[in-house]
């Protein structure tokens, strides 16, 4: 049982449980995938006896703003990921883009998350992963920009 006073309390529990579940099945997932999926799953709610996932509009709006301002370079995002997660000033960006990637994949086709997880577990890096899913990394970036325009 979890006692909570506010909706944000249960969101934290869902976020952290999603990390535990992912790590149970994948010892060292990439941080973008781990956090993006956790951010996505923390918005689970039950309504009329059904589980629903609600959109994190703050992350979506930031992704849209970043795309509009031409501030998203996904190749740089993945190559600087480790350093950026350590920089507190970059964490809002990192969480939003990580969520944005996971959200886009799920909205395009929920099977893309399963395929991504499988390829990441096989040791494929993001460039190979998104090249296989979208034909090229450049196509993946184009899909991301189009999705958040």
Foldseek 3Di string as FASTA:
>chain_A
DDDDDDLVVQLVVQLVVQLVVLCVVAVDFPPLQSLLVSNQRSQWDDDPNDTDTDDPVVLLVVLLVCLVVVNDDPVVCQVCVVVQCVDPVNVSVSNSVSNLLQVLQVVVPVVLSVQLSVVVSVVDDPQVSVCVVQVGVVRVVVSSSVVSD
